[in-house]
Amino acid sequence: MPFVIRSFCSSDPADLASLYSICLLTGDSGKDASQRYQDPRLLGHFYAAPYGALEPETCFMLEDDAGTCGYIVSARDSRNFEARMNREWLPPLREQYNMPLESDRSPDAGMIRALHAGYHAGVEADLYPAHLHIDLLERAQGQGQGKKLMHTLWAKLRQLEVPGVHLGVSKTNVGGVAFYRRLGFELLEDYGSWESYGIRL
């Protein structure tokens, strides 16, 4: 079958599992990060799963014959998402993962520190209240599916009367940066190792 975009199903454990899996398999600037992390769920705990759990209305899945091969997840109000994630999602994870020693500079330790630090909406949320994460497995890349996922989300955010959306991307993710620029995203802030981009809806 051709690629199909559908809404995230919060009642289907397989959809949540797909968020975790795809997040890991694209977690190294769009490439497979599974060799970098001892705990395969750490990236998804922060960058994918909480959106499916807390904001399923603005999450969409991409499927092909082989199964789920991509997603776009979003929070329509980043400041509200900040409050909910820090209040509802992160406390059980902080109990599960002890703060690592300061000397531990492993990727796992870095993500555990992020879980303890929490999500914090940036200045971008003032004019671009929504934010998003989009990831596609290699077999779905380069075929226009990322653009279709993005337009699907934009239509939903416009329906919800959201005026703009932003995202963050590592500078090492050259393909991702080029993709966002082609879609019309504009550079908002340069944070050194990563940048934020936004687009008005």
C-alpha atoms as a PDB file:
ATOM      1  CA  MET A   1       0.000   0.000   0.000  1.00  0.00           C
ATOM      2  CA  PRO A   2       1.144   3.619  -0.384  1.00  0.00           C
ATOM      3  CA  PHE A   3       2.084   5.797   2.558  1.00  0.00           C
ATOM      4  CA  VAL A   4      -0.833   6.689   4.826  1.00  0.00           C
ATOM      5  CA  ILE A   5      -1.031   9.435   7.448  1.00  0.00           C
ATOM      6  CA  ARG A   6      -3.399   8.850  10.345  1.00  0.00           C
ATOM      7  CA  SER A   7      -4.083  10.260  13.784  1.00  0.00           C
ATOM      8  CA  PHE A   8      -2.169   8.908  16.763  1.00  0.00           C
ATOM      9  CA  CYS A   9      -4.282   6.417  18.743  1.00  0.00           C
ATOM     10  CA  SER A  10      -3.782   6.938  22.472  1.00  0.00           C
ATOM     11  CA  SER A  11      -5.659   3.735  23.294  1.00  0.00           C
ATOM     12  CA  ASP A  12      -3.328   1.552  21.202  1.00  0.00           C
ATOM     13  CA  PRO A  13      -0.100   0.606  23.034  1.00  0.00           C
ATOM     14  CA  ALA A  14       1.507  -0.126  19.648  1.00  0.00           C
ATOM     15  CA  ASP A  15       1.366   3.549  18.708  1.00  0.00           C
ATOM     16  CA  LEU A  16       3.197   4.594  21.859  1.00  0.00           C
ATOM     17  CA  ALA A  17       5.742   1.839  21.244  1.00  0.00           C
ATOM     18  CA  SER A  18       6.246   3.185  17.715  1.00  0.00           C
ATOM     19  CA  LEU A  19       7.007   6.645  19.067  1.00  0.00           C
ATOM     20  CA  TYR A  20       9.731   5.187  21.270  1.00  0.00           C
ATOM     21  CA  SER A  21      11.172   3.021  18.497  1.00  0.00           C
ATOM     22  CA  ILE A  22      11.255   5.643  15.750  1.00  0.00           C
ATOM     23  CA  CYS A  23      12.615   8.280  18.125  1.00  0.00           C
ATOM     24  CA  LEU A  24      15.583   6.025  18.896  1.00  0.00           C
ATOM     25  CA  LEU A  25      16.146   4.965  15.277  1.00  0.00           C
ATOM     26  CA  THR A  26      16.341   8.616  14.188  1.00  0.00           C
ATOM     27  CA  GLY A  27      17.832  10.064  17.367  1.00  0.00           C
ATOM     28  CA  ASP A  28      21.350  10.759  16.086  1.00  0.00           C
ATOM     29  CA  SER A  29      20.645  13.790  13.858  1.00  0.00           C
ATOM     30  CA  GLY A  30      18.192  11.695  11.861  1.00  0.00           C
ATOM     31  CA  LYS A  31      20.253   8.492  12.015  1.00  0.00           C
ATOM     32  CA  ASP A  32      20.053   5.390  14.198  1.00  0.00           C
ATOM     33  CA  ALA A  33      21.017   6.164  17.804  1.00  0.00           C
ATOM     34  CA  SER A  34      20.436   2.687  19.217  1.00  0.00           C
ATOM     35  CA  GLN A  35      24.181   2.041  19.614  1.00  0.00           C
ATOM     36  CA  ARG A  36      24.621   5.221  21.644  1.00  0.00           C
ATOM     37  CA  TYR A  37      22.123   4.462  24.396  1.00  0.00           C
ATOM     38  CA  GLN A  38      22.073   1.566  26.840  1.00  0.00           C
ATOM     39  CA  ASP A  39      18.444   2.341  27.703  1.00  0.00           C
ATOM     40  CA  PRO A  40      16.470   2.401  24.426  1.00  0.00           C
ATOM     41  CA  ARG A  41      13.574   4.358  25.922  1.00  0.00           C
ATOM     42  CA  LEU A  42      15.419   7.405  27.228  1.00  0.00           C
ATOM     43  CA  LEU A  43      15.128   9.542  24.086  1.00  0.00           C
ATOM     44  CA  GLY A  44      11.456   8.702  23.678  1.00  0.00           C
ATOM     45  CA  HIS A  45      10.710   9.531  27.305  1.00  0.00           C
ATOM     46  CA  PHE A  46      11.535  13.160  26.553  1.00  0.00           C
ATOM     47  CA  TYR A  47      11.120  13.810  22.839  1.00  0.00           C
ATOM     48  CA  ALA A  48       8.216  11.629  21.678  1.00  0.00           C
ATOM     49  CA  ALA A  49       6.097   9.676  24.164  1.00  0.00           C
ATOM     50  CA  PRO A  50       4.869  12.605  26.305  1.00  0.00           C
ATOM     51  CA  TYR A  51       3.236  14.151  23.242  1.00  0.00           C
ATOM     52  CA  GLY A  52       1.271  11.004  22.524  1.00  0.00           C
ATOM     53  CA  ALA A  53       0.284  10.769  26.175  1.00  0.00           C
ATOM     54  CA  LEU A  54      -0.550  14.432  26.789  1.00  0.00           C
ATOM     55  CA  GLU A  55      -1.345  15.900  23.333  1.00  0.00           C
ATOM     56  CA  PRO A  56      -2.661  13.049  21.139  1.00  0.00           C
ATOM     57  CA  GLU A  57      -4.932  15.406  19.198  1.00  0.00           C
ATOM     58  CA  THR A  58      -1.913  17.000  17.505  1.00  0.00           C
ATOM     59  CA  CYS A  59       0.080  13.830  16.826  1.00  0.00           C
ATOM     60  CA  PHE A  60       0.071  11.932  13.526  1.00  0.00           C
ATOM     61  CA  MET A  61       1.600   8.655  12.369  1.00  0.00           C
ATOM     62  CA  LEU A  62       2.979   7.651   8.959  1.00  0.00           C
ATOM     63  CA  GLU A  63       2.516   4.060   7.774  1.00  0.00           C
ATOM     64  CA  ASP A  64       3.501   1.905   4.801  1.00  0.00           C
ATOM     65  CA  ASP A  65       3.302  -1.801   3.974  1.00  0.00           C
ATOM     66  CA  ALA A  66       5.918  -2.626   6.600  1.00  0.00           C
ATOM     67  CA  GLY A  67       4.211  -0.697   9.410  1.00  0.00           C
ATOM     68  CA  THR A  68       4.684   2.625  11.130  1.00  0.00           C
ATOM     69  CA  CYS A  69       7.621   4.500   9.626  1.00  0.00           C
ATOM     70  CA  GLY A  70       7.320   8.058  10.899  1.00  0.00           C
ATOM     71  CA  TYR A  71       5.511  10.552  13.072  1.00  0.00           C
ATOM     72  CA  ILE A  72       4.953  14.191  13.790  1.00  0.00           C
ATOM     73  CA  VAL A  73       4.140  15.093  17.388  1.00  0.00           C
ATOM     74  CA  SER A  74       3.242  18.504  18.708  1.00  0.00           C
ATOM     75  CA  ALA A  75       2.028  20.556  21.636  1.00  0.00           C
ATOM     76  CA  ARG A  76      -0.282  23.361  20.594  1.00  0.00           C
ATOM     77  CA  ASP A  77       0.516  25.498  23.670  1.00  0.00           C
ATOM     78  CA  SER A  78       4.139  25.055  24.752  1.00  0.00           C
ATOM     79  CA  ARG A  79       3.711  26.794  28.099  1.00  0.00           C
ATOM     80  CA  ASN A  80       0.732  24.640  29.018  1.00  0.00           C
ATOM     81  CA  PHE A  81       2.667  21.583  27.852  1.00  0.00           C
ATOM     82  CA  GLU A  82       5.567  22.621  30.073  1.00  0.00           C
ATOM     83  CA  ALA A  83       3.276  22.644  33.103  1.00  0.00           C
ATOM     84  CA  ARG A  84       1.638  19.321  32.276  1.00  0.00           C
ATOM     85  CA  MET A  85       4.837  17.498  31.377  1.00  0.00           C
ATOM     86  CA  ASN A  86       6.575  18.617  34.552  1.00  0.00           C
ATOM     87  CA  ARG A  87       3.514  17.862  36.669  1.00  0.00           C
ATOM     88  CA  GLU A  88       2.154  14.657  35.112  1.00  0.00           C
ATOM     89  CA  TRP A  89       4.757  12.963  32.926  1.00  0.00           C
ATOM     90  CA  LEU A  90       8.163  13.496  34.480  1.00  0.00           C
ATOM     91  CA  PRO A  91       7.710  12.741  38.220  1.00  0.00           C
ATOM     92  CA  PRO A  92       7.401   8.931  37.769  1.00  0.00           C
ATOM     93  CA  LEU A  93      10.426   8.944  35.471  1.00  0.00           C
ATOM     94  CA  ARG A  94      12.463  10.883  38.011  1.00  0.00           C
ATOM     95  CA  GLU A  95      11.684   8.166  40.542  1.00  0.00           C
ATOM     96  CA  GLN A  96      12.733   5.502  38.048  1.00  0.00           C
ATOM     97  CA  TYR A  97      15.992   7.192  37.021  1.00  0.00           C
ATOM     98  CA  ASN A  98      18.339   8.451  39.735  1.00  0.00           C
ATOM     99  CA  MET A  99      20.393  11.527  38.929  1.00  0.00           C
ATOM    100  CA  PRO A 100      23.733  10.265  37.549  1.00  0.00           C
ATOM    101  CA  LEU A 101      27.086  11.153  39.006  1.00  0.00           C
ATOM    102  CA  GLU A 102      28.588  14.403  37.744  1.00  0.00           C
ATOM    103  CA  SER A 103      31.482  12.410  36.280  1.00  0.00           C
ATOM    104  CA  ASP A 104      29.115  10.380  34.097  1.00  0.00           C
ATOM    105  CA  ARG A 105      29.099  12.079  30.678  1.00  0.00           C
ATOM    106  CA  SER A 106      27.427   9.234  28.770  1.00  0.00           C
ATOM    107  CA  PRO A 107      24.455   9.898  26.457  1.00  0.00           C
ATOM    108  CA  ASP A 108      22.213   8.036  28.916  1.00  0.00           C
ATOM    109  CA  ALA A 109      23.321  10.313  31.751  1.00  0.00           C
ATOM    110  CA  GLY A 110      22.657  13.367  29.607  1.00  0.00           C
ATOM    111  CA  MET A 111      19.085  12.301  28.920  1.00  0.00           C
ATOM    112  CA  ILE A 112      18.486  11.420  32.575  1.00  0.00           C
ATOM    113  CA  ARG A 113      19.632  14.908  33.537  1.00  0.00           C
ATOM    114  CA  ALA A 114      17.142  16.288  30.987  1.00  0.00           C
ATOM    115  CA  LEU A 115      14.332  14.301  32.622  1.00  0.00           C
ATOM    116  CA  HIS A 116      15.246  15.803  35.987  1.00  0.00           C
ATOM    117  CA  ALA A 117      15.661  19.319  34.591  1.00  0.00           C
ATOM    118  CA  GLY A 118      12.271  19.155  32.895  1.00  0.00           C
ATOM    119  CA  TYR A 119      10.893  20.720  29.757  1.00  0.00           C
ATOM    120  CA  HIS A 120      10.996  24.509  29.609  1.00  0.00           C
ATOM    121  CA  ALA A 121       9.310  26.516  26.884  1.00  0.00           C
ATOM    122  CA  GLY A 122      11.587  29.138  25.366  1.00  0.00           C
ATOM    123  CA  VAL A 123      11.001  32.689  24.245  1.00  0.00           C
ATOM    124  CA  GLU A 124       9.864  31.276  20.903  1.00  0.00           C
ATOM    125  CA  ALA A 125       6.553  30.299  22.517  1.00  0.00           C
ATOM    126  CA  ASP A 126       5.500  33.960  22.747  1.00  0.00           C
ATOM    127  CA  LEU A 127       4.889  34.317  18.997  1.00  0.00           C
ATOM    128  CA  TYR A 128       4.984  30.640  18.002  1.00  0.00           C
ATOM    129  CA  PRO A 129       3.035  28.914  20.804  1.00  0.00           C
ATOM    130  CA  ALA A 130       3.098  25.386  19.368  1.00  0.00           C
ATOM    131  CA  HIS A 131       6.202  23.260  18.948  1.00  0.00           C
ATOM    132  CA  LEU A 132       6.823  19.986  17.148  1.00  0.00           C
ATOM    133  CA  HIS A 133       9.094  17.001  16.594  1.00  0.00           C
ATOM    134  CA  ILE A 134       9.102  15.091  13.301  1.00  0.00           C
ATOM    135  CA  ASP A 135      10.990  11.864  12.562  1.00  0.00           C
ATOM    136  CA  LEU A 136      10.913   9.476   9.609  1.00  0.00           C
ATOM    137  CA  LEU A 137      12.673   6.153   9.206  1.00  0.00           C
ATOM    138  CA  GLU A 138      15.124   5.968   6.316  1.00  0.00           C
ATOM    139  CA  ARG A 139      12.699   4.067   4.082  1.00  0.00           C
ATOM    140  CA  ALA A 140      10.225   6.943   4.279  1.00  0.00           C
ATOM    141  CA  GLN A 141      12.684   9.770   3.695  1.00  0.00           C
ATOM    142  CA  GLY A 142      13.131  11.691   0.460  1.00  0.00           C
ATOM    143  CA  GLN A 143       9.649  10.945  -0.839  1.00  0.00           C
ATOM    144  CA  GLY A 144       7.713  14.008   0.253  1.00  0.00           C
ATOM    145  CA  GLN A 145       6.212  12.353   3.303  1.00  0.00           C
ATOM    146  CA  GLY A 146       7.785  14.778   5.780  1.00  0.00           C
ATOM    147  CA  LYS A 147       6.177  17.676   3.934  1.00  0.00           C
ATOM    148  CA  LYS A 148       2.806  15.890   3.977  1.00  0.00           C
ATOM    149  CA  LEU A 149       3.103  15.230   7.716  1.00  0.00           C
ATOM    150  CA  MET A 150       3.959  18.866   8.302  1.00  0.00           C
ATOM    151  CA  HIS A 151       0.987  20.128   6.294  1.00  0.00           C
ATOM    152  CA  THR A 152      -1.294  17.683   8.120  1.00  0.00           C
ATOM    153  CA  LEU A 153      -0.196  19.136  11.447  1.00  0.00           C
ATOM    154  CA  TRP A 154      -0.446  22.724  10.219  1.00  0.00           C
ATOM    155  CA  ALA A 155      -4.051  22.141   9.134  1.00  0.00           C
ATOM    156  CA  LYS A 156      -4.879  20.809  12.597  1.00  0.00           C
ATOM    157  CA  LEU A 157      -3.140  23.701  14.357  1.00  0.00           C
ATOM    158  CA  ARG A 158      -4.971  26.229  12.163  1.00  0.00           C
ATOM    159  CA  GLN A 159      -8.230  24.504  13.073  1.00  0.00           C
ATOM    160  CA  LEU A 160      -7.264  25.008  16.726  1.00  0.00           C
ATOM    161  CA  GLU A 161      -6.469  28.686  15.973  1.00  0.00           C
ATOM    162  CA  VAL A 162      -2.771  28.361  16.783  1.00  0.00           C
ATOM    163  CA  PRO A 163      -0.891  31.293  15.189  1.00  0.00           C
ATOM    164  CA  GLY A 164       2.563  29.723  14.849  1.00  0.00           C
ATOM    165  CA  VAL A 165       4.766  26.714  15.543  1.00  0.00           C
ATOM    166  CA  HIS A 166       8.472  26.348  16.320  1.00  0.00           C
ATOM    167  CA  LEU A 167      11.029  23.574  16.625  1.00  0.00           C
ATOM    168  CA  GLY A 168      14.620  22.958  17.638  1.00  0.00           C
ATOM    169  CA  VAL A 169      17.228  21.218  15.492  1.00  0.00           C
ATOM    170  CA  SER A 170      20.877  20.319  16.004  1.00  0.00           C
ATOM    171  CA  LYS A 171      23.292  22.071  13.681  1.00  0.00           C
ATOM    172  CA  THR A 172      24.733  18.655  12.839  1.00  0.00           C
ATOM    173  CA  ASN A 173      21.387  17.680  11.315  1.00  0.00           C
ATOM    174  CA  VAL A 174      22.164  19.373   8.006  1.00  0.00           C
ATOM    175  CA  GLY A 175      19.383  17.572   6.146  1.00  0.00           C
ATOM    176  CA  GLY A 176      16.824  18.556   8.759  1.00  0.00           C
ATOM    177  CA  VAL A 177      17.837  22.204   8.669  1.00  0.00           C
ATOM    178  CA  ALA A 178      17.563  22.246   4.867  1.00  0.00           C
ATOM    179  CA  PHE A 179      14.143  20.566   5.035  1.00  0.00           C
ATOM    180  CA  TYR A 180      12.755  23.131   7.469  1.00  0.00           C
ATOM    181  CA  ARG A 181      14.097  26.035   5.444  1.00  0.00           C
ATOM    182  CA  ARG A 182      12.501  24.660   2.259  1.00  0.00           C
ATOM    183  CA  LEU A 183       9.156  24.568   4.045  1.00  0.00           C
ATOM    184  CA  GLY A 184       9.436  28.224   4.991  1.00  0.00           C
ATOM    185  CA  PHE A 185      10.660  28.015   8.580  1.00  0.00           C
ATOM    186  CA  GLU A 186      12.763  31.014   9.611  1.00  0.00           C
ATOM    187  CA  LEU A 187      15.671  31.031  12.029  1.00  0.00           C
ATOM    188  CA  LEU A 188      14.571  32.377  15.425  1.00  0.00           C
ATOM    189  CA  GLU A 189      17.456  31.769  17.824  1.00  0.00           C
ATOM    190  CA  ASP A 190      21.000  30.373  17.659  1.00  0.00           C
ATOM    191  CA  TYR A 191      21.852  28.420  20.815  1.00  0.00           C
ATOM    192  CA  GLY A 192      25.331  27.335  19.779  1.00  0.00           C
ATOM    193  CA  SER A 193      25.009  23.610  19.097  1.00  0.00           C
ATOM    194  CA  TRP A 194      21.384  23.902  17.965  1.00  0.00           C
ATOM    195  CA  GLU A 195      18.962  26.417  16.495  1.00  0.00           C
ATOM    196  CA  SER A 196      15.264  27.156  16.749  1.00  0.00           C
ATOM    197  CA  TYR A 197      13.059  27.791  13.738  1.00  0.00           C
ATOM    198  CA  GLY A 198       9.496  29.034  13.477  1.00  0.00           C
ATOM    199  CA  ILE A 199       6.716  29.542  10.969  1.00  0.00           C
ATOM    200  CA  ARG A 200       3.524  31.562  11.183  1.00  0.00           C
ATOM    201  CA  LEU A 201       0.318  29.727  10.388  1.00  0.00           C
END
